[in-house]
Each structure stands twice: as structure tokens, then as C-alpha cells.
Amino acid sequence: MKPQKLDTLGNETFYWFGDNNYTEWEELFLAYHPPSYRLPKLTGAYSYGVAAAGTGVPFHFHGPGFAEVIYGRKRWFMYPPHQMPHFHPNRTTLQWLVEDYPKLPPSGMPLECTVGPGEVIYFPDHWWHGTLNIDTSVFISTFLG
């Protein structure tokens, strides 16, 4: 995989993530030891991903879950549900970071962190979040429902 270029559109990003064939990837999922974190009455569904440096997903929200980085580093940008971030849906997170992030007022700054190998982040229900893979990254997300 090659790092993403700044002029790549969001819909042209190579980012392998989403529903995984559990038969095809059974060995991987059986070897995976999920974080010991639990939320009452919620079960997890795994999604495995591989992505090049500079890729990521633009801001979006969904139900709660955890994301664990297996290899590489992933930067997270988060806003609470009532604070919708300003972004163009077909622009990449890299473009947002280079072009829009420096212009944000202090009150418009996201919560942010970088998650590395073996580290886990919890994303609450309906929180806006966007990610940027700093390196080629391998990760597993657990969506709770």
C-alpha cells in the first residue's frame, strides 16, 4: 500500500474495512483477544480493517463501540453529538486536517488522540468521529448493539 495523496477524493480512498466474511477470516477472529471492556446488555460485532498512511474515514457517527490498533497508528478526532463538525463528505480526513483544521477556532477544536498498537479507544453512541491513519494500519473495531 502507498500513502494517500492530498488531492485524492474521499470516494477514491483505498480503505479496506467493513463487514468481514467470518468464514474466510475465522482464524483471525478466533486468535483475536478482544478488550475486556463491556457495556450492559450490548454485544459486539467485529470489523477488521487494513489501511494505508494518510487514509481514514471522514466525520460520521453511529452506535457505541471500541477500536483497537493492531499495527500502525491511527489519529482520532471526536465531537459530542450536539457539535456537528464542519466537513465536506467527499473530502478526506487528510484534506480536512491540512486545509480546515488550522482555521478552527478554539471553541471548534475536536477532542483528539493517537491510538497505537495494543491501544483501544471507546467511541460513545452518536459521537461524531473522523480518523486518519498515520502509518499503514491494521485494526479491529467492535461495534456494540
C-alpha atoms as a PDB file:
ATOM      1  CA  MET A   1       0.000   0.000   0.000  1.00  0.00           C
ATOM      2  CA  LYS A   2       1.115   3.510  -0.764  1.00  0.00           C
ATOM      3  CA  PRO A   3       0.326   6.597   1.326  1.00  0.00           C
ATOM      4  CA  GLN A   4      -2.692   8.562   0.169  1.00  0.00           C
ATOM      5  CA  LYS A   5      -2.065  11.761  -1.794  1.00  0.00           C
ATOM      6  CA  LEU A   6      -3.569  15.022  -0.634  1.00  0.00           C
ATOM      7  CA  ASP A   7      -5.591  15.508  -3.850  1.00  0.00           C
ATOM      8  CA  THR A   8      -7.350  12.113  -3.602  1.00  0.00           C
ATOM      9  CA  LEU A   9     -11.129  12.442  -3.221  1.00  0.00           C
ATOM     10  CA  GLY A  10     -12.937  10.726  -0.384  1.00  0.00           C
ATOM     11  CA  ASN A  11     -14.655   8.273  -2.739  1.00  0.00           C
ATOM     12  CA  GLU A  12     -11.295   7.300  -4.278  1.00  0.00           C
ATOM     13  CA  THR A  13      -9.670   6.299  -0.992  1.00  0.00           C
ATOM     14  CA  PHE A  14      -8.496   2.700  -0.673  1.00  0.00           C
ATOM     15  CA  TYR A  15      -9.546   1.667   2.790  1.00  0.00           C
ATOM     16  CA  TRP A  16     -10.487  -1.940   3.429  1.00  0.00           C
ATOM     17  CA  PHE A  17     -12.928  -2.001   6.320  1.00  0.00           C
ATOM     18  CA  GLY A  18     -16.441  -3.135   6.996  1.00  0.00           C
ATOM     19  CA  ASP A  19     -18.393  -6.344   7.081  1.00  0.00           C
ATOM     20  CA  ASN A  20     -15.956  -9.224   7.067  1.00  0.00           C
ATOM     21  CA  ASN A  21     -16.598 -12.767   5.938  1.00  0.00           C
ATOM     22  CA  TYR A  22     -16.382 -14.701   9.214  1.00  0.00           C
ATOM     23  CA  THR A  23     -15.798 -17.996   7.410  1.00  0.00           C
ATOM     24  CA  GLU A  24     -12.911 -16.598   5.408  1.00  0.00           C
ATOM     25  CA  TRP A  25     -11.398 -14.728   8.366  1.00  0.00           C
ATOM     26  CA  GLU A  26     -12.377 -17.229  11.078  1.00  0.00           C
ATOM     27  CA  GLU A  27      -8.762 -17.992  12.040  1.00  0.00           C
ATOM     28  CA  LEU A  28      -8.021 -14.296  12.587  1.00  0.00           C
ATOM     29  CA  PHE A  29     -11.124 -13.687  14.676  1.00  0.00           C
ATOM     30  CA  LEU A  30     -10.506 -16.827  16.767  1.00  0.00           C
ATOM     31  CA  ALA A  31      -6.945 -15.643  17.520  1.00  0.00           C
ATOM     32  CA  TYR A  32      -8.136 -12.163  18.479  1.00  0.00           C
ATOM     33  CA  HIS A  33      -8.412 -11.393  22.187  1.00  0.00           C
ATOM     34  CA  PRO A  34     -10.885  -8.513  22.478  1.00  0.00           C
ATOM     35  CA  PRO A  35     -10.583  -5.840  25.143  1.00  0.00           C
ATOM     36  CA  SER A  36     -12.194  -6.832  28.427  1.00  0.00           C
ATOM     37  CA  TYR A  37     -14.461  -3.783  28.344  1.00  0.00           C
ATOM     38  CA  ARG A  38     -18.208  -4.419  28.312  1.00  0.00           C
ATOM     39  CA  LEU A  39     -21.390  -2.357  28.317  1.00  0.00           C
ATOM     40  CA  PRO A  40     -24.504  -3.875  29.925  1.00  0.00           C
ATOM     41  CA  LYS A  41     -26.939  -5.579  27.530  1.00  0.00           C
ATOM     42  CA  LEU A  42     -24.780  -4.913  24.450  1.00  0.00           C
ATOM     43  CA  THR A  43     -22.936  -7.452  22.325  1.00  0.00           C
ATOM     44  CA  GLY A  44     -20.127  -6.784  19.885  1.00  0.00           C
ATOM     45  CA  ALA A  45     -19.723  -7.323  16.160  1.00  0.00           C
ATOM     46  CA  TYR A  46     -16.149  -7.224  14.856  1.00  0.00           C
ATOM     47  CA  SER A  47     -14.912  -5.456  11.794  1.00  0.00           C
ATOM     48  CA  TYR A  48     -11.313  -5.854  10.661  1.00  0.00           C
ATOM     49  CA  GLY A  49      -9.520  -3.231   8.614  1.00  0.00           C
ATOM     50  CA  VAL A  50      -6.306  -2.506   6.747  1.00  0.00           C
ATOM     51  CA  ALA A  51      -5.433   0.979   5.519  1.00  0.00           C
ATOM     52  CA  ALA A  52      -2.538   2.962   4.074  1.00  0.00           C
ATOM     53  CA  ALA A  53      -0.986   6.019   5.692  1.00  0.00           C
ATOM     54  CA  GLY A  54      -2.990   9.172   5.034  1.00  0.00           C
ATOM     55  CA  THR A  55      -6.298   7.338   4.657  1.00  0.00           C
ATOM     56  CA  GLY A  56      -9.133   7.440   7.119  1.00  0.00           C
ATOM     57  CA  VAL A  57     -12.833   7.982   7.341  1.00  0.00           C
ATOM     58  CA  PRO A  58     -14.416  11.447   7.284  1.00  0.00           C
ATOM     59  CA  PHE A  59     -16.624  12.520  10.165  1.00  0.00           C
ATOM     60  CA  HIS A  60     -19.610  10.298  10.819  1.00  0.00           C
ATOM     61  CA  PHE A  61     -21.473   8.816  13.779  1.00  0.00           C
ATOM     62  CA  HIS A  62     -23.145   5.548  14.740  1.00  0.00           C
ATOM     63  CA  GLY A  63     -23.703   3.466  17.854  1.00  0.00           C
ATOM     64  CA  PRO A  64     -21.061   2.892  20.532  1.00  0.00           C
ATOM     65  CA  GLY A  65     -18.009   0.703  20.209  1.00  0.00           C
ATOM     66  CA  PHE A  66     -14.300   0.163  20.631  1.00  0.00           C
ATOM     67  CA  ALA A  67     -11.470   0.379  18.142  1.00  0.00           C
ATOM     68  CA  GLU A  68      -8.127  -1.319  18.674  1.00  0.00           C
ATOM     69  CA  VAL A  69      -4.997  -0.755  16.640  1.00  0.00           C
ATOM     70  CA  ILE A  70      -3.028  -3.941  15.964  1.00  0.00           C
ATOM     71  CA  TYR A  71      -0.311  -2.363  13.800  1.00  0.00           C
ATOM     72  CA  GLY A  72       0.485   1.265  12.974  1.00  0.00           C
ATOM     73  CA  ARG A  73      -1.075   4.397  14.439  1.00  0.00           C
ATOM     74  CA  LYS A  74      -4.476   5.989  13.972  1.00  0.00           C
ATOM     75  CA  ARG A  75      -5.378   9.570  14.911  1.00  0.00           C
ATOM     76  CA  TRP A  76      -8.920  10.179  16.132  1.00  0.00           C
ATOM     77  CA  PHE A  77     -10.909  13.430  16.069  1.00  0.00           C
ATOM     78  CA  MET A  78     -14.165  13.461  18.078  1.00  0.00           C
ATOM     79  CA  TYR A  79     -17.055  15.832  18.733  1.00  0.00           C
ATOM     80  CA  PRO A  80     -20.044  15.317  21.036  1.00  0.00           C
ATOM     81  CA  PRO A  81     -23.412  14.645  19.355  1.00  0.00           C
ATOM     82  CA  HIS A  82     -24.600  18.270  19.654  1.00  0.00           C
ATOM     83  CA  GLN A  83     -21.461  19.697  17.966  1.00  0.00           C
ATOM     84  CA  MET A  84     -21.563  18.723  14.282  1.00  0.00           C
ATOM     85  CA  PRO A  85     -18.142  19.263  12.718  1.00  0.00           C
ATOM     86  CA  HIS A  86     -17.754  21.287   9.538  1.00  0.00           C
ATOM     87  CA  PHE A  87     -16.579  18.991   6.745  1.00  0.00           C
ATOM     88  CA  HIS A  88     -17.312  18.091   3.136  1.00  0.00           C
ATOM     89  CA  PRO A  89     -18.485  14.459   2.830  1.00  0.00           C
ATOM     90  CA  ASN A  90     -16.336  13.765  -0.229  1.00  0.00           C
ATOM     91  CA  ARG A  91     -13.155  15.290   1.162  1.00  0.00           C
ATOM     92  CA  THR A  92     -10.718  13.082   3.022  1.00  0.00           C
ATOM     93  CA  THR A  93      -9.717  13.424   6.642  1.00  0.00           C
ATOM     94  CA  LEU A  94      -6.215  14.283   5.421  1.00  0.00           C
ATOM     95  CA  GLN A  95      -7.620  17.184   3.381  1.00  0.00           C
ATOM     96  CA  TRP A  96      -9.679  18.337   6.382  1.00  0.00           C
ATOM     97  CA  LEU A  97      -6.598  18.189   8.623  1.00  0.00           C
ATOM     98  CA  VAL A  98      -4.404  20.201   6.234  1.00  0.00           C
ATOM     99  CA  GLU A  99      -6.993  22.712   4.983  1.00  0.00           C
ATOM    100  CA  ASP A 100      -9.677  23.159   7.668  1.00  0.00           C
ATOM    101  CA  TYR A 101      -8.180  22.116  10.998  1.00  0.00           C
ATOM    102  CA  PRO A 102      -5.682  25.037  11.201  1.00  0.00           C
ATOM    103  CA  LYS A 103      -8.583  27.506  10.762  1.00  0.00           C
ATOM    104  CA  LEU A 104     -10.747  26.093  13.577  1.00  0.00           C
ATOM    105  CA  PRO A 105     -11.490  28.498  16.419  1.00  0.00           C
ATOM    106  CA  PRO A 106     -10.635  27.276  19.932  1.00  0.00           C
ATOM    107  CA  SER A 107     -14.318  26.514  20.552  1.00  0.00           C
ATOM    108  CA  GLY A 108     -14.433  24.371  17.400  1.00  0.00           C
ATOM    109  CA  MET A 109     -11.486  22.115  18.180  1.00  0.00           C
ATOM    110  CA  PRO A 110     -12.199  18.391  18.409  1.00  0.00           C
ATOM    111  CA  LEU A 111     -11.169  16.074  21.179  1.00  0.00           C
ATOM    112  CA  GLU A 112      -8.288  14.122  19.695  1.00  0.00           C
ATOM    113  CA  CYS A 113      -5.759  11.422  20.386  1.00  0.00           C
ATOM    114  CA  THR A 114      -3.478   8.973  18.619  1.00  0.00           C
ATOM    115  CA  VAL A 115      -4.037   5.256  19.189  1.00  0.00           C
ATOM    116  CA  GLY A 116      -1.078   2.916  18.739  1.00  0.00           C
ATOM    117  CA  PRO A 117      -0.538  -0.844  18.703  1.00  0.00           C
ATOM    118  CA  GLY A 118      -2.335  -2.603  21.550  1.00  0.00           C
ATOM    119  CA  GLU A 119      -4.274   0.532  22.499  1.00  0.00           C
ATOM    120  CA  VAL A 120      -8.057   0.826  22.483  1.00  0.00           C
ATOM    121  CA  ILE A 121     -10.398   3.805  22.149  1.00  0.00           C
ATOM    122  CA  TYR A 122     -14.078   3.841  23.097  1.00  0.00           C
ATOM    123  CA  PHE A 123     -16.394   5.876  20.876  1.00  0.00           C
ATOM    124  CA  PRO A 124     -19.687   6.759  22.578  1.00  0.00           C
ATOM    125  CA  ASP A 125     -23.103   6.484  20.993  1.00  0.00           C
ATOM    126  CA  HIS A 126     -23.734   9.134  18.314  1.00  0.00           C
ATOM    127  CA  TRP A 127     -20.430  10.948  18.802  1.00  0.00           C
ATOM    128  CA  TRP A 128     -19.028  12.434  15.608  1.00  0.00           C
ATOM    129  CA  HIS A 129     -15.621  10.989  14.772  1.00  0.00           C
ATOM    130  CA  GLY A 130     -13.139  11.002  11.924  1.00  0.00           C
ATOM    131  CA  THR A 131      -9.910   9.040  11.703  1.00  0.00           C
ATOM    132  CA  LEU A 132      -6.563   9.409   9.990  1.00  0.00           C
ATOM    133  CA  ASN A 133      -4.115   6.525   9.650  1.00  0.00           C
ATOM    134  CA  ILE A 134      -0.690   7.958  10.397  1.00  0.00           C
ATOM    135  CA  ASP A 135       1.015   4.765   9.229  1.00  0.00           C
ATOM    136  CA  THR A 136      -0.131   1.710   7.326  1.00  0.00           C
ATOM    137  CA  SER A 137      -2.566   0.380   9.914  1.00  0.00           C
ATOM    138  CA  VAL A 138      -4.283  -2.839  10.871  1.00  0.00           C
ATOM    139  CA  PHE A 139      -7.191  -2.531  13.287  1.00  0.00           C
ATOM    140  CA  ILE A 140     -10.295  -4.211  14.653  1.00  0.00           C
ATOM    141  CA  SER A 141     -13.415  -2.340  15.654  1.00  0.00           C
ATOM    142  CA  THR A 142     -16.086  -3.776  17.913  1.00  0.00           C
ATOM    143  CA  PHE A 143     -19.490  -2.257  17.232  1.00  0.00           C
ATOM    144  CA  LEU A 144     -21.857  -2.634  20.178  1.00  0.00           C
ATOM    145  CA  GLY A 145     -25.531  -3.215  19.710  1.00  0.00           C
END
